[in-house]
Amino acid sequence: MTVLSIAGLNLVGAGLATIGLAGAGVGIGSVFGSFILAFSRNPSLRQDLFVYTLLGFALTEAIALFALMMAFIILFR
């Protein structure tokens, strides 16, 4: 393979690695949507639900950061 085709394949690989960012966006929307539904059903549990929501957000966002990190490793390796 030539150097040009390897560079092109690196760009394709980095693009495929960023697919995880779309999944993380859907996951974050799902976490906060579930929080709103649970809060509307039982407002007295707001503080407990919010703690679990932030935990879910942090874990979902970590997946997005791993996907972005992999894309950068592929690009700048």
N, C-alpha and C. Protein backbone atom coordinates (compact mmCIF):
# COMPACT_ATOMS: atom_id res chain seq x y z
N MET A 1 0.84 -1.19 0.00
CA MET A 1 0.00 0.00 0.00
C MET A 1 0.87 1.25 0.00
N THR A 2 0.40 2.24 -0.65
CA THR A 2 1.16 3.48 -0.68
C THR A 2 0.89 4.31 0.55
N VAL A 3 1.71 5.30 0.77
CA VAL A 3 1.55 6.18 1.93
C VAL A 3 0.24 6.95 1.84
N LEU A 4 -0.16 7.30 0.65
CA LEU A 4 -1.40 8.07 0.48
C LEU A 4 -2.62 7.25 0.88
N SER A 5 -2.66 5.99 0.53
CA SER A 5 -3.82 5.18 0.87
C SER A 5 -3.87 4.88 2.36
N ILE A 6 -2.71 4.75 3.02
CA ILE A 6 -2.70 4.53 4.46
C ILE A 6 -3.21 5.77 5.18
N ALA A 7 -2.84 6.95 4.70
CA ALA A 7 -3.34 8.19 5.31
C ALA A 7 -4.85 8.30 5.13
N GLY A 8 -5.34 7.88 3.98
CA GLY A 8 -6.79 7.90 3.75
C GLY A 8 -7.52 6.93 4.64
N LEU A 9 -6.92 5.76 4.85
CA LEU A 9 -7.54 4.77 5.73
C LEU A 9 -7.52 5.23 7.19
N ASN A 10 -6.51 6.00 7.57
CA ASN A 10 -6.51 6.58 8.92
C ASN A 10 -7.68 7.53 9.11
N LEU A 11 -7.99 8.31 8.09
CA LEU A 11 -9.13 9.22 8.19
C LEU A 11 -10.44 8.45 8.27
N VAL A 12 -10.56 7.38 7.52
CA VAL A 12 -11.77 6.55 7.59
C VAL A 12 -11.91 5.92 8.97
N GLY A 13 -10.81 5.41 9.51
CA GLY A 13 -10.85 4.81 10.84
C GLY A 13 -11.21 5.82 11.92
N ALA A 14 -10.68 7.02 11.82
CA ALA A 14 -11.02 8.06 12.80
C ALA A 14 -12.49 8.45 12.69
N GLY A 15 -12.99 8.50 11.48
CA GLY A 15 -14.41 8.80 11.29
C GLY A 15 -15.30 7.72 11.88
N LEU A 16 -14.91 6.48 11.69
CA LEU A 16 -15.69 5.38 12.26
C LEU A 16 -15.62 5.38 13.79
N ALA A 17 -14.49 5.80 14.35
CA ALA A 17 -14.36 5.84 15.80
C ALA A 17 -15.26 6.90 16.42
N THR A 18 -15.62 7.92 15.66
CA THR A 18 -16.48 8.98 16.22
C THR A 18 -17.96 8.60 16.20
N ILE A 19 -18.30 7.44 15.69
CA ILE A 19 -19.70 7.00 15.74
C ILE A 19 -20.17 6.88 17.19
N GLY A 20 -19.24 6.56 18.08
CA GLY A 20 -19.57 6.47 19.50
C GLY A 20 -20.08 7.77 20.08
N LEU A 21 -19.72 8.89 19.48
CA LEU A 21 -20.19 10.19 19.97
C LEU A 21 -21.69 10.35 19.75
N ALA A 22 -22.19 9.82 18.66
CA ALA A 22 -23.64 9.89 18.41
C ALA A 22 -24.39 9.04 19.42
N GLY A 23 -23.85 7.87 19.71
CA GLY A 23 -24.48 7.01 20.72
C GLY A 23 -24.49 7.64 22.09
N ALA A 24 -23.42 8.36 22.41
CA ALA A 24 -23.37 9.03 23.71
C ALA A 24 -24.39 10.16 23.78
N GLY A 25 -24.60 10.85 22.67
CA GLY A 25 -25.62 11.89 22.64
C GLY A 25 -27.01 11.33 22.89
N VAL A 26 -27.30 10.20 22.29
CA VAL A 26 -28.59 9.54 22.51
C VAL A 26 -28.70 9.09 23.97
N GLY A 27 -27.60 8.57 24.51
CA GLY A 27 -27.62 8.11 25.90
C GLY A 27 -27.85 9.24 26.89
N ILE A 28 -27.22 10.38 26.66
CA ILE A 28 -27.40 11.52 27.55
C ILE A 28 -28.84 12.03 27.48
N GLY A 29 -29.39 12.07 26.28
CA GLY A 29 -30.79 12.46 26.15
C GLY A 29 -31.71 11.51 26.88
N SER A 30 -31.41 10.24 26.81
CA SER A 30 -32.22 9.24 27.50
C SER A 30 -32.12 9.39 29.02
N VAL A 31 -30.93 9.67 29.52
CA VAL A 31 -30.74 9.84 30.97
C VAL A 31 -31.56 11.02 31.48
N PHE A 32 -31.45 12.17 30.81
CA PHE A 32 -32.17 13.35 31.30
C PHE A 32 -33.67 13.25 31.03
N GLY A 33 -34.07 12.58 29.95
CA GLY A 33 -35.49 12.35 29.71
C GLY A 33 -36.10 11.48 30.79
N SER A 34 -35.36 10.46 31.20
CA SER A 34 -35.85 9.59 32.28
C SER A 34 -35.92 10.34 33.60
N PHE A 35 -34.97 11.25 33.81
CA PHE A 35 -35.02 12.06 35.04
C PHE A 35 -36.27 12.92 35.07
N ILE A 36 -36.60 13.54 33.97
CA ILE A 36 -37.79 14.39 33.92
C ILE A 36 -39.05 13.57 34.16
N LEU A 37 -39.12 12.39 33.55
CA LEU A 37 -40.29 11.53 33.78
C LEU A 37 -40.40 11.09 35.24
N ALA A 38 -39.28 10.67 35.82
CA ALA A 38 -39.31 10.22 37.21
C ALA A 38 -39.63 11.37 38.15
N PHE A 39 -39.08 12.54 37.89
CA PHE A 39 -39.36 13.71 38.74
C PHE A 39 -40.82 14.12 38.65
N SER A 40 -41.40 14.02 37.45
CA SER A 40 -42.81 14.40 37.31
C SER A 40 -43.73 13.41 38.02
N ARG A 41 -43.30 12.18 38.15
CA ARG A 41 -44.13 11.19 38.86
C ARG A 41 -44.01 11.30 40.37
N ASN A 42 -42.81 11.66 40.86
CA ASN A 42 -42.61 11.75 42.31
C ASN A 42 -41.64 12.90 42.62
N PRO A 43 -42.15 14.12 42.74
CA PRO A 43 -41.29 15.29 42.96
C PRO A 43 -40.53 15.26 44.29
N SER A 44 -40.98 14.49 45.26
CA SER A 44 -40.30 14.47 46.55
C SER A 44 -38.94 13.77 46.49
N LEU A 45 -38.68 13.00 45.45
CA LEU A 45 -37.41 12.30 45.30
C LEU A 45 -36.42 13.05 44.42
N ARG A 46 -36.63 14.34 44.27
CA ARG A 46 -35.81 15.12 43.34
C ARG A 46 -34.32 15.00 43.61
N GLN A 47 -33.89 15.15 44.85
CA GLN A 47 -32.46 15.13 45.17
C GLN A 47 -31.84 13.77 44.88
N ASP A 48 -32.50 12.68 45.27
CA ASP A 48 -31.97 11.34 45.01
C ASP A 48 -31.91 11.06 43.51
N LEU A 49 -32.96 11.44 42.80
CA LEU A 49 -32.98 11.21 41.36
C LEU A 49 -31.90 12.01 40.64
N PHE A 50 -31.66 13.22 41.12
CA PHE A 50 -30.66 14.07 40.47
C PHE A 50 -29.26 13.49 40.64
N VAL A 51 -28.98 12.90 41.79
CA VAL A 51 -27.67 12.27 42.01
C VAL A 51 -27.48 11.12 41.03
N TYR A 52 -28.49 10.29 40.86
CA TYR A 52 -28.39 9.18 39.90
C TYR A 52 -28.30 9.69 38.47
N THR A 53 -28.96 10.80 38.19
CA THR A 53 -28.89 11.39 36.85
C THR A 53 -27.48 11.87 36.54
N LEU A 54 -26.84 12.53 37.49
CA LEU A 54 -25.47 12.99 37.27
C LEU A 54 -24.50 11.83 37.11
N LEU A 55 -24.72 10.76 37.85
CA LEU A 55 -23.89 9.58 37.71
C LEU A 55 -24.06 8.97 36.32
N GLY A 56 -25.29 8.85 35.86
CA GLY A 56 -25.55 8.34 34.53
C GLY A 56 -24.96 9.22 33.45
N PHE A 57 -25.06 10.53 33.64
CA PHE A 57 -24.47 11.47 32.68
C PHE A 57 -22.95 11.31 32.61
N ALA A 58 -22.31 11.20 33.77
CA ALA A 58 -20.86 11.08 33.80
C ALA A 58 -20.39 9.79 33.13
N LEU A 59 -21.08 8.70 33.39
CA LEU A 59 -20.68 7.43 32.78
C LEU A 59 -20.91 7.43 31.28
N THR A 60 -22.00 8.03 30.84
CA THR A 60 -22.28 8.11 29.40
C THR A 60 -21.28 9.03 28.71
N GLU A 61 -20.94 10.12 29.35
CA GLU A 61 -19.98 11.05 28.77
C GLU A 61 -18.59 10.43 28.70
N ALA A 62 -18.26 9.55 29.64
CA ALA A 62 -16.97 8.87 29.60
C ALA A 62 -16.84 8.03 28.34
N ILE A 63 -17.92 7.39 27.92
CA ILE A 63 -17.90 6.61 26.68
C ILE A 63 -17.58 7.52 25.49
N ALA A 64 -18.17 8.69 25.48
CA ALA A 64 -17.91 9.64 24.38
C ALA A 64 -16.46 10.09 24.39
N LEU A 65 -15.90 10.31 25.56
CA LEU A 65 -14.50 10.72 25.64
C LEU A 65 -13.56 9.61 25.18
N PHE A 66 -13.90 8.36 25.48
CA PHE A 66 -13.09 7.24 25.01
C PHE A 66 -13.14 7.14 23.49
N ALA A 67 -14.31 7.34 22.91
CA ALA A 67 -14.43 7.29 21.45
C ALA A 67 -13.64 8.42 20.81
N LEU A 68 -13.71 9.61 21.37
CA LEU A 68 -12.95 10.74 20.84
C LEU A 68 -11.45 10.53 20.99
N MET A 69 -11.05 9.95 22.11
CA MET A 69 -9.64 9.66 22.33
C MET A 69 -9.14 8.65 21.29
N MET A 70 -9.93 7.65 21.00
CA MET A 70 -9.52 6.67 19.99
C MET A 70 -9.39 7.31 18.62
N ALA A 71 -10.30 8.22 18.29
CA ALA A 71 -10.20 8.92 17.00
C ALA A 71 -8.92 9.74 16.92
N PHE A 72 -8.56 10.42 17.99
CA PHE A 72 -7.33 11.21 17.99
C PHE A 72 -6.09 10.33 17.94
N ILE A 73 -6.14 9.18 18.61
CA ILE A 73 -5.00 8.26 18.54
C ILE A 73 -4.82 7.75 17.11
N ILE A 74 -5.90 7.44 16.45
CA ILE A 74 -5.82 6.98 15.07
C ILE A 74 -5.29 8.08 14.16
N LEU A 75 -5.74 9.31 14.36
CA LEU A 75 -5.31 10.42 13.50
C LEU A 75 -3.85 10.81 13.70
N PHE A 76 -3.43 10.92 14.94
CA PHE A 76 -2.12 11.51 15.23
C PHE A 76 -1.10 10.50 15.71
N ARG A 77 -1.25 9.27 15.33
CA ARG A 77 -0.32 8.21 15.71
C ARG A 77 0.88 8.23 14.84
